[in-house]
Amino acid sequence: VQLQASGGGLVQPGGSLRLSCAASGSIFIMPTMAWYRQAPGKERELVAQINSGYSTNYADSVRGRFTISRDNGKNTVYLQMNSLKPEDTAVYYCYGLYGHVYWGQGTQVTVSS
C-alpha cells in the first residue's frame, strides 16, 4: 500500500490550499484516513481524520477552517484548508489505517506574506 500526497505550497495568510492523498495497492477501502502535520521543533499532530463512513474529527486549532473529505471509489482523502494562518505552516502527512499504519510522504505548506 502506498499513499501519494500532493497539493502543498506557499500561500498568504487568509488564503486557501487543497491537499490530496491517494492510496494505491491491494486494498478495498481504507477504513481510516487522516492528515497529520509537523512544524519545525514540534511533534507530529493530528489535523483531521475521516473514516469510511464519513465520520470526521478535527483538531481544535483547525475546526471551522479545514474540511476533510474522501472519495471511497478512488481511495483518496482531501483536506481543504481555508483562512490559513502562519501557525498552520508545517509538513503535512497523509495517514492511512488498513490493518497497519501507512504514511505518505510529507507535503510542505507554508503560510507567509
Protein backbone atom coordinates (compact mmCIF):
# COMPACT_ATOMS: atom_id res chain seq x y z
CA VAL A 1 0.00 0.00 0.00
CA GLN A 2 1.26 3.44 -0.92
CA LEU A 3 -0.06 6.88 -0.07
CA GLN A 4 0.74 9.68 -2.50
CA ALA A 5 0.14 13.20 -1.24
CA SER A 6 0.06 16.39 -3.26
CA GLY A 7 -1.12 19.99 -3.12
CA GLY A 8 1.18 21.81 -0.72
CA GLY A 9 2.76 25.15 -1.42
CA LEU A 10 3.20 28.75 -0.36
CA VAL A 11 0.13 30.83 0.40
CA GLN A 12 -0.54 34.17 2.04
CA PRO A 13 -2.36 34.40 5.36
CA GLY A 14 -6.08 34.11 4.78
CA GLY A 15 -5.58 32.05 1.66
CA SER A 16 -6.60 28.51 0.81
CA LEU A 17 -4.98 25.28 -0.26
CA ARG A 18 -6.29 21.81 -1.00
CA LEU A 19 -4.28 18.71 -0.23
CA SER A 20 -4.96 15.33 -1.82
CA CYS A 21 -3.76 11.87 -0.91
CA ALA A 22 -4.42 8.78 -2.99
CA ALA A 23 -4.00 5.26 -1.65
CA SER A 24 -2.89 2.57 -4.05
CA GLY A 25 -2.17 -1.11 -3.81
CA SER A 26 -4.14 -4.22 -2.98
CA ILE A 27 -6.81 -2.60 -0.86
CA PHE A 28 -10.56 -2.24 -1.00
CA ILE A 29 -11.48 0.77 1.10
CA MET A 30 -9.09 2.15 3.67
CA PRO A 31 -11.14 2.33 6.89
CA THR A 32 -9.44 5.38 8.35
CA MET A 33 -7.59 8.17 6.61
CA ALA A 34 -6.25 11.32 8.15
CA TRP A 35 -3.92 14.26 7.88
CA TYR A 36 -1.21 14.99 10.39
CA ARG A 37 1.25 17.86 10.43
CA GLN A 38 4.61 18.57 11.94
CA ALA A 39 6.02 22.05 12.39
CA PRO A 40 9.74 22.65 13.00
CA GLY A 41 10.66 21.74 16.55
CA LYS A 42 7.23 20.32 17.32
CA GLU A 43 5.73 16.86 17.49
CA ARG A 44 3.56 15.48 14.74
CA GLU A 45 -0.09 16.22 15.50
CA LEU A 46 -3.43 15.08 14.16
CA VAL A 47 -5.13 17.67 11.97
CA ALA A 48 -8.23 15.83 10.80
CA GLN A 49 -9.48 12.26 10.47
CA ILE A 50 -12.24 10.60 8.47
CA ASN A 51 -13.45 7.02 8.44
CA SER A 52 -15.05 5.04 5.64
CA GLY A 53 -18.49 6.06 6.90
CA TYR A 54 -17.51 9.71 6.56
CA SER A 55 -17.41 10.47 10.29
CA THR A 56 -14.85 13.20 10.93
CA ASN A 57 -12.73 14.53 13.74
CA TYR A 58 -10.74 17.78 13.81
CA ALA A 59 -8.08 19.37 15.92
CA ASP A 60 -9.46 22.36 17.79
CA SER A 61 -6.95 24.62 16.06
CA VAL A 62 -8.39 23.92 12.60
CA ARG A 63 -12.06 23.24 13.26
CA GLY A 64 -14.21 25.57 11.19
CA ARG A 65 -11.36 26.39 8.79
CA PHE A 66 -10.33 22.98 7.45
CA THR A 67 -12.54 20.32 5.90
CA ILE A 68 -11.55 16.71 5.40
CA SER A 69 -13.36 14.62 2.82
CA ARG A 70 -12.84 11.41 0.93
CA ASP A 71 -13.78 9.60 -2.23
CA ASN A 72 -14.06 5.92 -1.37
CA GLY A 73 -14.22 4.95 -5.02
CA LYS A 74 -10.81 6.49 -5.56
CA ASN A 75 -9.44 5.74 -2.08
CA THR A 76 -8.49 9.38 -1.90
CA VAL A 77 -8.67 11.79 1.00
CA TYR A 78 -8.70 15.56 0.69
CA LEU A 79 -8.00 18.43 3.06
CA GLN A 80 -9.48 21.78 2.13
CA MET A 81 -7.69 24.43 4.13
CA ASN A 82 -9.24 27.91 4.29
CA SER A 83 -8.37 31.03 6.26
CA LEU A 84 -4.82 29.80 6.60
CA LYS A 85 -2.65 31.26 9.33
CA PRO A 86 1.14 31.40 9.70
CA GLU A 87 0.85 28.86 12.52
CA ASP A 88 -0.53 26.35 10.00
CA THR A 89 2.93 26.22 8.42
CA ALA A 90 4.16 22.64 8.63
CA VAL A 91 4.84 19.50 6.69
CA TYR A 92 1.52 17.73 6.22
CA TYR A 93 1.43 13.94 6.17
CA CYS A 94 -1.27 11.66 4.88
CA TYR A 95 -2.14 8.73 7.17
CA GLY A 96 -3.99 5.54 6.41
CA LEU A 97 -5.04 2.62 8.60
CA TYR A 98 -5.62 -0.70 6.86
CA GLY A 99 -4.54 -3.36 9.28
CA HIS A 100 -1.28 -1.50 9.55
CA VAL A 101 -0.49 2.19 9.68
CA TYR A 102 0.69 3.75 6.44
CA TRP A 103 2.20 7.19 5.93
CA GLY A 104 2.51 9.20 2.78
CA GLN A 105 5.44 11.44 2.01
CA GLY A 106 5.08 14.86 3.53
CA THR A 107 3.99 17.92 1.62
CA GLN A 108 5.14 21.36 2.74
CA VAL A 109 2.56 24.03 3.50
CA THR A 110 3.95 27.50 4.13
CA VAL A 111 1.71 30.37 5.14
CA SER A 112 3.56 33.65 4.86
CA SER A 113 3.21 37.12 3.47
